[in-house]
């Protein structure tokens, strides 16, 4: 791993820790992190905008797919954000506003996909 990659990795670990302490709930459905498994999710994919990898505004917490107390599997918000069900999420419009602000082309790609 290059020194640059190592620096990014260290910075991300720090940011992830801070976000988890601040929020500890799924931004997509509001469930507490003690009740569901959470994952850090980049609103604009890392592969698309490497310059935004450590931008705190580009990182959110979304729950992962999990089995509830009744044994029913529930699709997680992380998977919904990555798929075509993102408009169902509580943070959808907030995330769209961020995307529109920093990457207008990606904003139009996302909104066209959901049309």
PDB file of N, CA and C in Angstrom:
ATOM      1  N   UNK A   1       0.847  -1.170   0.000  1.00  0.00           N
ATOM      2  CA  UNK A   1       0.000   0.000   0.000  1.00  0.00           C
ATOM      3  C   UNK A   1       0.901   1.246   0.000  1.00  0.00           C
ATOM      4  N   UNK A   2       0.560   2.193  -0.846  1.00  0.00           N
ATOM      5  CA  UNK A   2       1.358   3.408  -0.945  1.00  0.00           C
ATOM      6  C   UNK A   2       1.170   4.285   0.297  1.00  0.00           C
ATOM      7  N   UNK A   3       2.067   5.239   0.484  1.00  0.00           N
ATOM      8  CA  UNK A   3       1.960   6.155   1.623  1.00  0.00           C
ATOM      9  C   UNK A   3       0.679   6.982   1.520  1.00  0.00           C
ATOM     10  N   UNK A   4       0.310   7.358   0.310  1.00  0.00           N
ATOM     11  CA  UNK A   4      -0.914   8.135   0.108  1.00  0.00           C
ATOM     12  C   UNK A   4      -2.142   7.316   0.504  1.00  0.00           C
ATOM     13  N   UNK A   5      -2.186   6.060   0.077  1.00  0.00           N
ATOM     14  CA  UNK A   5      -3.307   5.180   0.423  1.00  0.00           C
ATOM     15  C   UNK A   5      -3.367   4.932   1.925  1.00  0.00           C
ATOM     16  N   UNK A   6      -2.206   4.764   2.534  1.00  0.00           N
ATOM     17  CA  UNK A   6      -2.141   4.539   3.974  1.00  0.00           C
ATOM     18  C   UNK A   6      -2.661   5.760   4.733  1.00  0.00           C
ATOM     19  N   UNK A   7      -2.312   6.957   4.254  1.00  0.00           N
ATOM     20  CA  UNK A   7      -2.788   8.192   4.881  1.00  0.00           C
ATOM     21  C   UNK A   7      -4.304   8.295   4.774  1.00  0.00           C
ATOM     22  N   UNK A   8      -4.855   7.979   3.604  1.00  0.00           N
ATOM     23  CA  UNK A   8      -6.313   8.004   3.407  1.00  0.00           C
ATOM     24  C   UNK A   8      -6.989   6.993   4.321  1.00  0.00           C
ATOM     25  N   UNK A   9      -6.416   5.815   4.425  1.00  0.00           N
ATOM     26  CA  UNK A   9      -6.978   4.765   5.278  1.00  0.00           C
ATOM     27  C   UNK A   9      -7.016   5.213   6.742  1.00  0.00           C
ATOM     28  N   UNK A  10      -5.935   5.831   7.219  1.00  0.00           N
ATOM     29  CA  UNK A  10      -5.901   6.331   8.598  1.00  0.00           C
ATOM     30  C   UNK A  10      -6.947   7.430   8.815  1.00  0.00           C
ATOM     31  N   UNK A  11      -7.048   8.338   7.852  1.00  0.00           N
ATOM     32  CA  UNK A  11      -8.014   9.424   7.962  1.00  0.00           C
ATOM     33  C   UNK A  11      -9.443   8.888   7.961  1.00  0.00           C
ATOM     34  N   UNK A  12      -9.709   7.909   7.110  1.00  0.00           N
ATOM     35  CA  UNK A  12     -11.048   7.309   7.071  1.00  0.00           C
ATOM     36  C   UNK A  12     -11.396   6.626   8.386  1.00  0.00           C
ATOM     37  N   UNK A  13     -10.447   5.900   8.961  1.00  0.00           N
ATOM     38  CA  UNK A  13     -10.705   5.237  10.253  1.00  0.00           C
ATOM     39  C   UNK A  13     -11.096   6.267  11.304  1.00  0.00           C
ATOM     40  N   UNK A  14     -10.393   7.385  11.323  1.00  0.00           N
ATOM     41  CA  UNK A  14     -10.687   8.454  12.278  1.00  0.00           C
ATOM     42  C   UNK A  14     -12.086   9.021  12.023  1.00  0.00           C
ATOM     43  N   UNK A  15     -12.389   9.305  10.767  1.00  0.00           N
ATOM     44  CA  UNK A  15     -13.700   9.859  10.408  1.00  0.00           C
ATOM     45  C   UNK A  15     -14.808   8.864  10.737  1.00  0.00           C
ATOM     46  N   UNK A  16     -14.617   7.592  10.405  1.00  0.00           N
ATOM     47  CA  UNK A  16     -15.618   6.571  10.711  1.00  0.00           C
ATOM     48  C   UNK A  16     -15.890   6.525  12.217  1.00  0.00           C
ATOM     49  N   UNK A  17     -14.854   6.562  13.010  1.00  0.00           N
ATOM     50  CA  UNK A  17     -15.002   6.517  14.468  1.00  0.00           C
ATOM     51  C   UNK A  17     -15.810   7.726  14.955  1.00  0.00           C
ATOM     52  N   UNK A  18     -15.478   8.905  14.461  1.00  0.00           N
ATOM     53  CA  UNK A  18     -16.190  10.123  14.860  1.00  0.00           C
ATOM     54  C   UNK A  18     -17.665  10.062  14.460  1.00  0.00           C
ATOM     55  N   UNK A  19     -17.927   9.612  13.241  1.00  0.00           N
ATOM     56  CA  UNK A  19     -19.311   9.517  12.764  1.00  0.00           C
ATOM     57  C   UNK A  19     -20.105   8.535  13.609  1.00  0.00           C
ATOM     58  N   UNK A  20     -19.513   7.408  13.930  1.00  0.00           N
ATOM     59  CA  UNK A  20     -20.201   6.411  14.744  1.00  0.00           C
ATOM     60  C   UNK A  20     -20.528   6.958  16.131  1.00  0.00           C
ATOM     61  N   UNK A  21     -19.624   7.717  16.724  1.00  0.00           N
ATOM     62  CA  UNK A  21     -19.882   8.319  18.035  1.00  0.00           C
ATOM     63  C   UNK A  21     -20.983   9.374  17.954  1.00  0.00           C
ATOM     64  N   UNK A  22     -21.006  10.146  16.869  1.00  0.00           N
ATOM     65  CA  UNK A  22     -21.995  11.215  16.704  1.00  0.00           C
ATOM     66  C   UNK A  22     -23.389  10.682  16.393  1.00  0.00           C
ATOM     67  N   UNK A  23     -23.471   9.690  15.547  1.00  0.00           N
ATOM     68  CA  UNK A  23     -24.768   9.290  14.984  1.00  0.00           C
ATOM     69  C   UNK A  23     -25.279   7.964  15.528  1.00  0.00           C
ATOM     70  N   UNK A  24     -24.554   6.901  15.349  1.00  0.00           N
ATOM     71  CA  UNK A  24     -24.911   5.557  15.803  1.00  0.00           C
ATOM     72  C   UNK A  24     -26.344   5.144  15.487  1.00  0.00           C
ATOM     73  N   UNK A  25     -26.855   5.599  14.348  1.00  0.00           N
ATOM     74  CA  UNK A  25     -28.153   5.118  13.878  1.00  0.00           C
ATOM     75  C   UNK A  25     -28.155   5.169  12.352  1.00  0.00           C
ATOM     76  N   UNK A  26     -29.030   4.391  11.770  1.00  0.00           N
ATOM     77  CA  UNK A  26     -29.137   4.339  10.315  1.00  0.00           C
ATOM     78  C   UNK A  26     -29.809   5.612   9.814  1.00  0.00           C
ATOM     79  N   UNK A  27     -29.147   6.301   8.899  1.00  0.00           N
ATOM     80  CA  UNK A  27     -29.713   7.533   8.329  1.00  0.00           C
ATOM     81  C   UNK A  27     -30.866   7.229   7.384  1.00  0.00           C
ATOM     82  N   UNK A  28     -30.947   5.993   6.907  1.00  0.00           N
ATOM     83  CA  UNK A  28     -31.983   5.622   5.952  1.00  0.00           C
ATOM     84  C   UNK A  28     -33.308   5.247   6.582  1.00  0.00           C
ATOM     85  N   UNK A  29     -33.254   4.637   7.784  1.00  0.00           N
ATOM     86  CA  UNK A  29     -34.497   4.198   8.423  1.00  0.00           C
ATOM     87  C   UNK A  29     -34.610   4.643   9.873  1.00  0.00           C
ATOM     88  N   UNK A  30     -33.542   5.160  10.446  1.00  0.00           N
ATOM     89  CA  UNK A  30     -33.578   5.674  11.807  1.00  0.00           C
ATOM     90  C   UNK A  30     -33.335   4.658  12.908  1.00  0.00           C
ATOM     91  N   UNK A  31     -33.121   3.394  12.546  1.00  0.00           N
ATOM     92  CA  UNK A  31     -32.918   2.372  13.575  1.00  0.00           C
ATOM     93  C   UNK A  31     -31.580   2.582  14.276  1.00  0.00           C
ATOM     94  N   UNK A  32     -31.578   2.315  15.568  1.00  0.00           N
ATOM     95  CA  UNK A  32     -30.398   2.466  16.392  1.00  0.00           C
ATOM     96  C   UNK A  32     -29.348   1.428  16.018  1.00  0.00           C
ATOM     97  N   UNK A  33     -28.096   1.855  16.077  1.00  0.00           N
ATOM     98  CA  UNK A  33     -26.990   0.963  15.749  1.00  0.00           C
ATOM     99  C   UNK A  33     -26.833  -0.197  16.708  1.00  0.00           C
ATOM    100  N   UNK A  34     -27.446  -0.109  17.883  1.00  0.00           N
ATOM    101  CA  UNK A  34     -27.409  -1.240  18.813  1.00  0.00           C
ATOM    102  C   UNK A  34     -28.397  -2.327  18.409  1.00  0.00           C
ATOM    103  N   UNK A  35     -29.374  -1.975  17.557  1.00  0.00           N
ATOM    104  CA  UNK A  35     -30.408  -2.930  17.152  1.00  0.00           C
ATOM    105  C   UNK A  35     -30.138  -3.551  15.785  1.00  0.00           C
ATOM    106  N   UNK A  36     -29.394  -2.851  14.939  1.00  0.00           N
ATOM    107  CA  UNK A  36     -29.125  -3.342  13.586  1.00  0.00           C
ATOM    108  C   UNK A  36     -27.645  -3.152  13.246  1.00  0.00           C
ATOM    109  N   UNK A  37     -27.111  -4.003  12.366  1.00  0.00           N
ATOM    110  CA  UNK A  37     -25.720  -3.807  11.949  1.00  0.00           C
ATOM    111  C   UNK A  37     -25.620  -2.603  11.013  1.00  0.00           C
ATOM    112  N   UNK A  38     -24.663  -1.724  11.276  1.00  0.00           N
ATOM    113  CA  UNK A  38     -24.491  -0.522  10.466  1.00  0.00           C
ATOM    114  C   UNK A  38     -23.233  -0.618   9.612  1.00  0.00           C
ATOM    115  N   UNK A  39     -23.276   0.098   8.503  1.00  0.00           N
ATOM    116  CA  UNK A  39     -22.135   0.166   7.598  1.00  0.00           C
ATOM    117  C   UNK A  39     -21.959   1.605   7.154  1.00  0.00           C
ATOM    118  N   UNK A  40     -20.715   2.007   6.984  1.00  0.00           N
ATOM    119  CA  UNK A  40     -20.448   3.328   6.442  1.00  0.00           C
ATOM    120  C   UNK A  40     -20.681   3.269   4.944  1.00  0.00           C
ATOM    121  N   UNK A  41     -21.370   4.252   4.454  1.00  0.00           N
ATOM    122  CA  UNK A  41     -21.750   4.269   3.051  1.00  0.00           C
ATOM    123  C   UNK A  41     -21.357   5.604   2.439  1.00  0.00           C
ATOM    124  N   UNK A  42     -20.650   5.548   1.324  1.00  0.00           N
ATOM    125  CA  UNK A  42     -20.319   6.769   0.598  1.00  0.00           C
ATOM    126  C   UNK A  42     -21.502   7.115  -0.301  1.00  0.00           C
ATOM    127  N   UNK A  43     -21.984   8.320  -0.168  1.00  0.00           N
ATOM    128  CA  UNK A  43     -23.136   8.767  -0.947  1.00  0.00           C
ATOM    129  C   UNK A  43     -22.774   8.804  -2.427  1.00  0.00           C
ATOM    130  N   UNK A  44     -21.649   9.423  -2.733  1.00  0.00           N
ATOM    131  CA  UNK A  44     -21.088   9.361  -4.087  1.00  0.00           C
ATOM    132  C   UNK A  44     -19.990   8.313  -4.012  1.00  0.00           C
ATOM    133  N   UNK A  45     -20.062   7.270  -4.817  1.00  0.00           N
ATOM    134  CA  UNK A  45     -19.116   6.162  -4.702  1.00  0.00           C
ATOM    135  C   UNK A  45     -17.657   6.606  -4.750  1.00  0.00           C
ATOM    136  N   UNK A  46     -16.864   5.899  -3.987  1.00  0.00           N
ATOM    137  CA  UNK A  46     -15.426   6.164  -3.950  1.00  0.00           C
ATOM    138  C   UNK A  46     -14.811   6.020  -5.332  1.00  0.00           C
ATOM    139  N   UNK A  47     -15.320   5.081  -6.100  1.00  0.00           N
ATOM    140  CA  UNK A  47     -14.776   4.842  -7.437  1.00  0.00           C
ATOM    141  C   UNK A  47     -15.054   6.003  -8.388  1.00  0.00           C
ATOM    142  N   UNK A  48     -16.107   6.744  -8.114  1.00  0.00           N
ATOM    143  CA  UNK A  48     -16.466   7.869  -8.974  1.00  0.00           C
ATOM    144  C   UNK A  48     -15.709   9.144  -8.598  1.00  0.00           C
ATOM    145  N   UNK A  49     -15.645   9.414  -7.324  1.00  0.00           N
ATOM    146  CA  UNK A  49     -15.029  10.658  -6.853  1.00  0.00           C
ATOM    147  C   UNK A  49     -14.038  10.362  -5.734  1.00  0.00           C
ATOM    148  N   UNK A  50     -12.849   9.961  -6.116  1.00  0.00           N
ATOM    149  CA  UNK A  50     -11.796   9.679  -5.146  1.00  0.00           C
ATOM    150  C   UNK A  50     -11.458  10.875  -4.283  1.00  0.00           C
ATOM    151  N   UNK A  51     -11.684  12.073  -4.810  1.00  0.00           N
ATOM    152  CA  UNK A  51     -11.394  13.288  -4.046  1.00  0.00           C
ATOM    153  C   UNK A  51     -12.366  13.499  -2.895  1.00  0.00           C
ATOM    154  N   UNK A  52     -13.480  12.765  -2.885  1.00  0.00           N
ATOM    155  CA  UNK A  52     -14.486  12.919  -1.825  1.00  0.00           C
ATOM    156  C   UNK A  52     -14.475  11.763  -0.827  1.00  0.00           C
ATOM    157  N   UNK A  53     -13.483  10.894  -0.927  1.00  0.00           N
ATOM    158  CA  UNK A  53     -13.438   9.702  -0.076  1.00  0.00           C
ATOM    159  C   UNK A  53     -13.456  10.066   1.401  1.00  0.00           C
ATOM    160  N   UNK A  54     -12.754  11.135   1.771  1.00  0.00           N
ATOM    161  CA  UNK A  54     -12.691  11.505   3.186  1.00  0.00           C
ATOM    162  C   UNK A  54     -13.546  12.734   3.515  1.00  0.00           C
ATOM    163  N   UNK A  55     -14.433  13.109   2.625  1.00  0.00           N
ATOM    164  CA  UNK A  55     -15.364  14.209   2.895  1.00  0.00           C
ATOM    165  C   UNK A  55     -16.473  13.672   3.793  1.00  0.00           C
ATOM    166  N   UNK A  56     -16.534  14.167   5.033  1.00  0.00           N
ATOM    167  CA  UNK A  56     -17.526  13.684   6.001  1.00  0.00           C
ATOM    168  C   UNK A  56     -18.954  13.769   5.475  1.00  0.00           C
ATOM    169  N   UNK A  57     -19.237  14.777   4.665  1.00  0.00           N
ATOM    170  CA  UNK A  57     -20.598  14.942   4.137  1.00  0.00           C
ATOM    171  C   UNK A  57     -20.933  13.834   3.133  1.00  0.00           C
ATOM    172  N   UNK A  58     -19.914  13.178   2.602  1.00  0.00           N
ATOM    173  CA  UNK A  58     -20.121  12.101   1.627  1.00  0.00           C
ATOM    174  C   UNK A  58     -20.244  10.734   2.298  1.00  0.00           C
ATOM    175  N   UNK A  59     -20.178  10.705   3.612  1.00  0.00           N
ATOM    176  CA  UNK A  59     -20.222   9.431   4.331  1.00  0.00           C
ATOM    177  C   UNK A  59     -21.439   9.424   5.256  1.00  0.00           C
ATOM    178  N   UNK A  60     -22.199   8.353   5.162  1.00  0.00           N
ATOM    179  CA  UNK A  60     -23.368   8.203   6.024  1.00  0.00           C
ATOM    180  C   UNK A  60     -23.362   6.806   6.625  1.00  0.00           C
ATOM    181  N   UNK A  61     -24.205   6.575   7.586  1.00  0.00           N
ATOM    182  CA  UNK A  61     -24.382   5.246   8.167  1.00  0.00           C
ATOM    183  C   UNK A  61     -25.683   4.669   7.645  1.00  0.00           C
ATOM    184  N   UNK A  62     -25.594   3.490   7.091  1.00  0.00           N
ATOM    185  CA  UNK A  62     -26.784   2.764   6.645  1.00  0.00           C
ATOM    186  C   UNK A  62     -26.731   1.359   7.229  1.00  0.00           C
ATOM    187  N   UNK A  63     -27.895   0.842   7.562  1.00  0.00           N
ATOM    188  CA  UNK A  63     -27.952  -0.519   8.088  1.00  0.00           C
ATOM    189  C   UNK A  63     -27.722  -1.514   6.955  1.00  0.00           C
ATOM    190  N   UNK A  64     -27.226  -2.668   7.359  1.00  0.00           N
ATOM    191  CA  UNK A  64     -27.023  -3.771   6.418  1.00  0.00           C
ATOM    192  C   UNK A  64     -28.239  -4.685   6.454  1.00  0.00           C
ATOM    193  N   UNK A  65     -28.355  -5.554   5.482  1.00  0.00           N
ATOM    194  CA  UNK A  65     -29.429  -6.541   5.481  1.00  0.00           C
ATOM    195  C   UNK A  65     -29.296  -7.363   6.758  1.00  0.00           C
ATOM    196  N   UNK A  66     -30.412  -7.605   7.429  1.00  0.00           N
ATOM    197  CA  UNK A  66     -30.362  -8.334   8.694  1.00  0.00           C
ATOM    198  C   UNK A  66     -31.627  -9.154   8.886  1.00  0.00           C
ATOM    199  N   UNK A  67     -31.582 -10.048   9.858  1.00  0.00           N
ATOM    200  CA  UNK A  67     -32.730 -10.865  10.240  1.00  0.00           C
ATOM    201  C   UNK A  67     -33.278 -10.278  11.532  1.00  0.00           C
ATOM    202  N   UNK A  68     -34.581  -9.941  11.545  1.00  0.00           N
ATOM    203  CA  UNK A  68     -35.177  -9.337  12.734  1.00  0.00           C
ATOM    204  C   UNK A  68     -35.452 -10.389  13.803  1.00  0.00           C
ATOM    205  N   UNK A  69     -36.010  -9.955  14.915  1.00  0.00           N
ATOM    206  CA  UNK A  69     -36.279 -10.864  16.044  1.00  0.00           C
ATOM    207  C   UNK A  69     -37.270 -11.962  15.700  1.00  0.00           C
ATOM    208  N   UNK A  70     -38.077 -11.766  14.659  1.00  0.00           N
ATOM    209  CA  UNK A  70     -39.056 -12.779  14.243  1.00  0.00           C
ATOM    210  C   UNK A  70     -38.493 -13.724  13.194  1.00  0.00           C
ATOM    211  N   UNK A  71     -37.219 -13.564  12.860  1.00  0.00           N
ATOM    212  CA  UNK A  71     -36.595 -14.439  11.878  1.00  0.00           C
ATOM    213  C   UNK A  71     -36.810 -14.010  10.440  1.00  0.00           C
ATOM    214  N   UNK A  72     -37.380 -12.817  10.252  1.00  0.00           N
ATOM    215  CA  UNK A  72     -37.611 -12.311   8.903  1.00  0.00           C
ATOM    216  C   UNK A  72     -36.397 -11.528   8.416  1.00  0.00           C
ATOM    217  N   UNK A  73     -36.006 -11.783   7.175  1.00  0.00           N
ATOM    218  CA  UNK A  73     -34.896 -11.039   6.591  1.00  0.00           C
ATOM    219  C   UNK A  73     -35.399  -9.683   6.109  1.00  0.00           C
ATOM    220  N   UNK A  74     -34.620  -8.639   6.379  1.00  0.00           N
ATOM    221  CA  UNK A  74     -34.998  -7.285   5.980  1.00  0.00           C
ATOM    222  C   UNK A  74     -33.855  -6.687   5.180  1.00  0.00           C
ATOM    223  N   UNK A  75     -34.191  -6.163   4.023  1.00  0.00           N
ATOM    224  CA  UNK A  75     -33.177  -5.534   3.189  1.00  0.00           C
ATOM    225  C   UNK A  75     -32.674  -4.280   3.891  1.00  0.00           C
ATOM    226  N   UNK A  76     -31.365  -4.145   3.963  1.00  0.00           N
ATOM    227  CA  UNK A  76     -30.779  -2.994   4.625  1.00  0.00           C
ATOM    228  C   UNK A  76     -30.768  -1.755   3.747  1.00  0.00           C
ATOM    229  N   UNK A  77     -30.663  -0.621   4.402  1.00  0.00           N
ATOM    230  CA  UNK A  77     -30.649   0.658   3.696  1.00  0.00           C
ATOM    231  C   UNK A  77     -29.397   0.821   2.836  1.00  0.00           C
ATOM    232  N   UNK A  78     -28.298   0.188   3.244  1.00  0.00           N
ATOM    233  CA  UNK A  78     -27.085   0.251   2.428  1.00  0.00           C
ATOM    234  C   UNK A  78     -27.358  -0.354   1.052  1.00  0.00           C
ATOM    235  N   UNK A  79     -27.979  -1.511   1.054  1.00  0.00           N
ATOM    236  CA  UNK A  79     -28.327  -2.182  -0.205  1.00  0.00           C
ATOM    237  C   UNK A  79     -29.351  -1.374  -0.994  1.00  0.00           C
ATOM    238  N   UNK A  80     -30.290  -0.747  -0.295  1.00  0.00           N
ATOM    239  CA  UNK A  80     -31.304   0.056  -0.978  1.00  0.00           C
ATOM    240  C   UNK A  80     -30.665   1.294  -1.622  1.00  0.00           C
ATOM    241  N   UNK A  81     -29.697   1.911  -0.938  1.00  0.00           N
ATOM    242  CA  UNK A  81     -29.016   3.074  -1.520  1.00  0.00           C
ATOM    243  C   UNK A  81     -28.239   2.665  -2.767  1.00  0.00           C
ATOM    244  N   UNK A  82     -27.605   1.512  -2.721  1.00  0.00           N
ATOM    245  CA  UNK A  82     -26.819   1.036  -3.857  1.00  0.00           C
ATOM    246  C   UNK A  82     -27.712   0.588  -5.012  1.00  0.00           C
ATOM    247  N   UNK A  83     -28.930   0.198  -4.709  1.00  0.00           N
ATOM    248  CA  UNK A  83     -29.859  -0.275  -5.729  1.00  0.00           C
ATOM    249  C   UNK A  83     -30.787   0.828  -6.197  1.00  0.00           C
ATOM    250  N   UNK A  84     -31.960   0.431  -6.630  1.00  0.00           N
ATOM    251  CA  UNK A  84     -32.920   1.397  -7.173  1.00  0.00           C
ATOM    252  C   UNK A  84     -34.045   1.734  -6.209  1.00  0.00           C
ATOM    253  N   UNK A  85     -33.837   1.456  -4.941  1.00  0.00           N
ATOM    254  CA  UNK A  85     -34.882   1.740  -3.951  1.00  0.00           C
ATOM    255  C   UNK A  85     -34.495   2.900  -3.049  1.00  0.00           C
ATOM    256  N   UNK A  86     -33.524   3.671  -3.450  1.00  0.00           N
ATOM    257  CA  UNK A  86     -32.993   4.732  -2.591  1.00  0.00           C
ATOM    258  C   UNK A  86     -34.018   5.800  -2.236  1.00  0.00           C
ATOM    259  N   UNK A  87     -35.009   6.009  -3.090  1.00  0.00           N
ATOM    260  CA  UNK A  87     -35.994   7.060  -2.809  1.00  0.00           C
ATOM    261  C   UNK A  87     -36.866   6.723  -1.598  1.00  0.00           C
ATOM    262  N   UNK A  88     -36.834   5.490  -1.121  1.00  0.00           N
ATOM    263  CA  UNK A  88     -37.598   5.082   0.059  1.00  0.00           C
ATOM    264  C   UNK A  88     -36.894   5.483   1.363  1.00  0.00           C
ATOM    265  N   UNK A  89     -35.647   5.886   1.282  1.00  0.00           N
ATOM    266  CA  UNK A  89     -34.853   6.160   2.474  1.00  0.00           C
ATOM    267  C   UNK A  89     -35.123   7.553   3.046  1.00  0.00           C
ATOM    268  N   UNK A  90     -35.062   7.653   4.353  1.00  0.00           N
ATOM    269  CA  UNK A  90     -35.285   8.930   5.031  1.00  0.00           C
ATOM    270  C   UNK A  90     -34.272   9.997   4.608  1.00  0.00           C
ATOM    271  N   UNK A  91     -33.061   9.579   4.295  1.00  0.00           N
ATOM    272  CA  UNK A  91     -32.011  10.541   3.942  1.00  0.00           C
ATOM    273  C   UNK A  91     -31.888  10.775   2.434  1.00  0.00           C
ATOM    274  N   UNK A  92     -32.832  10.287   1.661  1.00  0.00           N
ATOM    275  CA  UNK A  92     -32.755  10.392   0.196  1.00  0.00           C
ATOM    276  C   UNK A  92     -32.609  11.838  -0.279  1.00  0.00           C
ATOM    277  N   UNK A  93     -33.480  12.722   0.155  1.00  0.00           N
ATOM    278  CA  UNK A  93     -33.441  14.106  -0.336  1.00  0.00           C
ATOM    279  C   UNK A  93     -32.215  14.862   0.185  1.00  0.00           C
ATOM    280  N   UNK A  94     -31.821  14.558   1.406  1.00  0.00           N
ATOM    281  CA  UNK A  94     -30.599  15.154   1.954  1.00  0.00           C
ATOM    282  C   UNK A  94     -29.391  14.726   1.113  1.00  0.00           C
ATOM    283  N   UNK A  95     -29.317  13.444   0.807  1.00  0.00           N
ATOM    284  CA  UNK A  95     -28.209  12.925  -0.004  1.00  0.00           C
ATOM    285  C   UNK A  95     -28.239  13.513  -1.411  1.00  0.00           C
ATOM    286  N   UNK A  96     -29.435  13.621  -1.982  1.00  0.00           N
ATOM    287  CA  UNK A  96     -29.557  14.218  -3.323  1.00  0.00           C
ATOM    288  C   UNK A  96     -29.069  15.663  -3.342  1.00  0.00           C
ATOM    289  N   UNK A  97     -29.389  16.414  -2.314  1.00  0.00           N
ATOM    290  CA  UNK A  97     -28.949  17.810  -2.242  1.00  0.00           C
ATOM    291  C   UNK A  97     -27.427  17.881  -2.215  1.00  0.00           C
ATOM    292  N   UNK A  98     -26.800  17.005  -1.453  1.00  0.00           N
ATOM    293  CA  UNK A  98     -25.340  16.961  -1.401  1.00  0.00           C
ATOM    294  C   UNK A  98     -24.771  16.605  -2.772  1.00  0.00           C
ATOM    295  N   UNK A  99     -25.335  15.585  -3.403  1.00  0.00           N
ATOM    296  CA  UNK A  99     -24.851  15.152  -4.713  1.00  0.00           C
ATOM    297  C   UNK A  99     -24.988  16.283  -5.729  1.00  0.00           C
ATOM    298  N   UNK A 100     -26.120  16.953  -5.711  1.00  0.00           N
ATOM    299  CA  UNK A 100     -26.350  18.058  -6.653  1.00  0.00           C
ATOM    300  C   UNK A 100     -25.327  19.177  -6.442  1.00  0.00           C
ATOM    301  N   UNK A 101     -24.966  19.408  -5.200  1.00  0.00           N
ATOM    302  CA  UNK A 101     -24.006  20.463  -4.874  1.00  0.00           C
ATOM    303  C   UNK A 101     -22.592  20.150  -5.391  1.00  0.00           C
ATOM    304  N   UNK A 102     -22.172  18.892  -5.281  1.00  0.00           N
ATOM    305  CA  UNK A 102     -20.770  18.577  -5.576  1.00  0.00           C
ATOM    306  C   UNK A 102     -20.532  17.813  -6.880  1.00  0.00           C
ATOM    307  N   UNK A 103     -21.581  17.190  -7.444  1.00  0.00           N
ATOM    308  CA  UNK A 103     -21.390  16.401  -8.674  1.00  0.00           C
ATOM    309  C   UNK A 103     -22.700  16.392  -9.472  1.00  0.00           C
ATOM    310  N   UNK A 104     -22.908  17.454 -10.204  1.00  0.00           N
ATOM    311  CA  UNK A 104     -24.163  17.637 -10.929  1.00  0.00           C
ATOM    312  C   UNK A 104     -24.405  16.518 -11.945  1.00  0.00           C
ATOM    313  N   UNK A 105     -23.362  16.071 -12.598  1.00  0.00           N
ATOM    314  CA  UNK A 105     -23.512  14.985 -13.571  1.00  0.00           C
ATOM    315  C   UNK A 105     -24.051  13.722 -12.892  1.00  0.00           C
ATOM    316  N   UNK A 106     -23.490  13.353 -11.743  1.00  0.00           N
ATOM    317  CA  UNK A 106     -23.944  12.173 -11.016  1.00  0.00           C
ATOM    318  C   UNK A 106     -25.384  12.359 -10.522  1.00  0.00           C
ATOM    319  N   UNK A 107     -25.709  13.583 -10.126  1.00  0.00           N
ATOM    320  CA  UNK A 107     -27.075  13.895  -9.708  1.00  0.00           C
ATOM    321  C   UNK A 107     -28.059  13.552 -10.827  1.00  0.00           C
ATOM    322  N   UNK A 108     -27.754  13.974 -12.044  1.00  0.00           N
ATOM    323  CA  UNK A 108     -28.648  13.686 -13.163  1.00  0.00           C
ATOM    324  C   UNK A 108     -28.687  12.198 -13.493  1.00  0.00           C
ATOM    325  N   UNK A 109     -27.583  11.513 -13.340  1.00  0.00           N
ATOM    326  CA  UNK A 109     -27.565  10.067 -13.563  1.00  0.00           C
ATOM    327  C   UNK A 109     -28.504   9.378 -12.568  1.00  0.00           C
ATOM    328  N   UNK A 110     -28.392   9.741 -11.296  1.00  0.00           N
ATOM    329  CA  UNK A 110     -29.219   9.121 -10.251  1.00  0.00           C
ATOM    330  C   UNK A 110     -30.698   9.448 -10.458  1.00  0.00           C
ATOM    331  N   UNK A 111     -31.004  10.698 -10.716  1.00  0.00           N
ATOM    332  CA  UNK A 111     -32.409  11.062 -10.830  1.00  0.00           C
ATOM    333  C   UNK A 111     -33.036  10.476 -12.094  1.00  0.00           C
ATOM    334  N   UNK A 112     -32.256  10.297 -13.136  1.00  0.00           N
ATOM    335  CA  UNK A 112     -32.767   9.643 -14.352  1.00  0.00           C
ATOM    336  C   UNK A 112     -33.026   8.169 -14.114  1.00  0.00           C
ATOM    337  N   UNK A 113     -32.152   7.525 -13.325  1.00  0.00           N
ATOM    338  CA  UNK A 113     -32.333   6.105 -13.021  1.00  0.00           C
ATOM    339  C   UNK A 113     -33.614   5.865 -12.239  1.00  0.00           C
ATOM    340  N   UNK A 114     -33.978   6.819 -11.393  1.00  0.00           N
ATOM    341  CA  UNK A 114     -35.168   6.650 -10.561  1.00  0.00           C
ATOM    342  C   UNK A 114     -36.435   7.168 -11.219  1.00  0.00           C
ATOM    343  N   UNK A 115     -36.319   7.745 -12.410  1.00  0.00           N
ATOM    344  CA  UNK A 115     -37.490   8.301 -13.096  1.00  0.00           C
ATOM    345  C   UNK A 115     -38.360   7.200 -13.682  1.00  0.00           C
TER     346      UNK A 115
END
